[in-house]
Amino acid sequence: MDRQLLSKILVQMKKNLKDGKSIGDMKVGALLAR
């Protein structure tokens, strides 16, 4: 995995934590599981 993608995922996860939404977490999980 390249670092740019990793940082994007981290930003997304932080956003999801703030929003308290699990949909984004599922998307991130799908990305990581590929």
Protein backbone atom coordinates (compact mmCIF):
# COMPACT_ATOMS: atom_id res chain seq x y z
CA MET A 1 0.00 0.00 0.00
CA ASP A 2 1.32 3.44 -0.79
CA ARG A 3 1.49 6.06 1.93
CA GLN A 4 -0.85 8.46 0.17
CA LEU A 5 -3.66 5.91 0.22
CA LEU A 6 -2.90 5.06 3.84
CA SER A 7 -3.10 8.70 4.90
CA LYS A 8 -6.39 9.07 3.01
CA ILE A 9 -7.77 6.09 4.92
CA LEU A 10 -6.58 7.55 8.22
CA VAL A 11 -8.27 10.87 7.46
CA GLN A 12 -11.44 9.04 6.50
CA MET A 13 -11.38 7.03 9.72
CA LYS A 14 -10.92 10.19 11.80
CA LYS A 15 -13.88 11.78 10.03
CA ASN A 16 -15.98 8.70 10.70
CA LEU A 17 -15.05 8.77 14.38
CA LYS A 18 -16.23 12.37 14.59
CA ASP A 19 -19.46 11.63 12.74
CA GLY A 20 -19.99 8.32 14.51
CA LYS A 21 -20.89 6.66 11.23
CA SER A 22 -20.06 3.03 10.50
CA ILE A 23 -20.73 3.19 6.75
CA GLY A 24 -17.36 4.82 6.08
CA ASP A 25 -15.66 2.25 8.30
CA MET A 26 -17.15 -0.51 6.17
CA LYS A 27 -15.81 1.17 3.03
CA VAL A 28 -12.35 1.43 4.58
CA GLY A 29 -12.57 -2.21 5.63
CA ALA A 30 -13.45 -3.17 2.06
CA LEU A 31 -10.45 -1.20 0.78
CA LEU A 32 -8.10 -2.88 3.24
CA ALA A 33 -9.52 -6.34 2.50
CA ARG A 34 -8.83 -6.09 -1.23
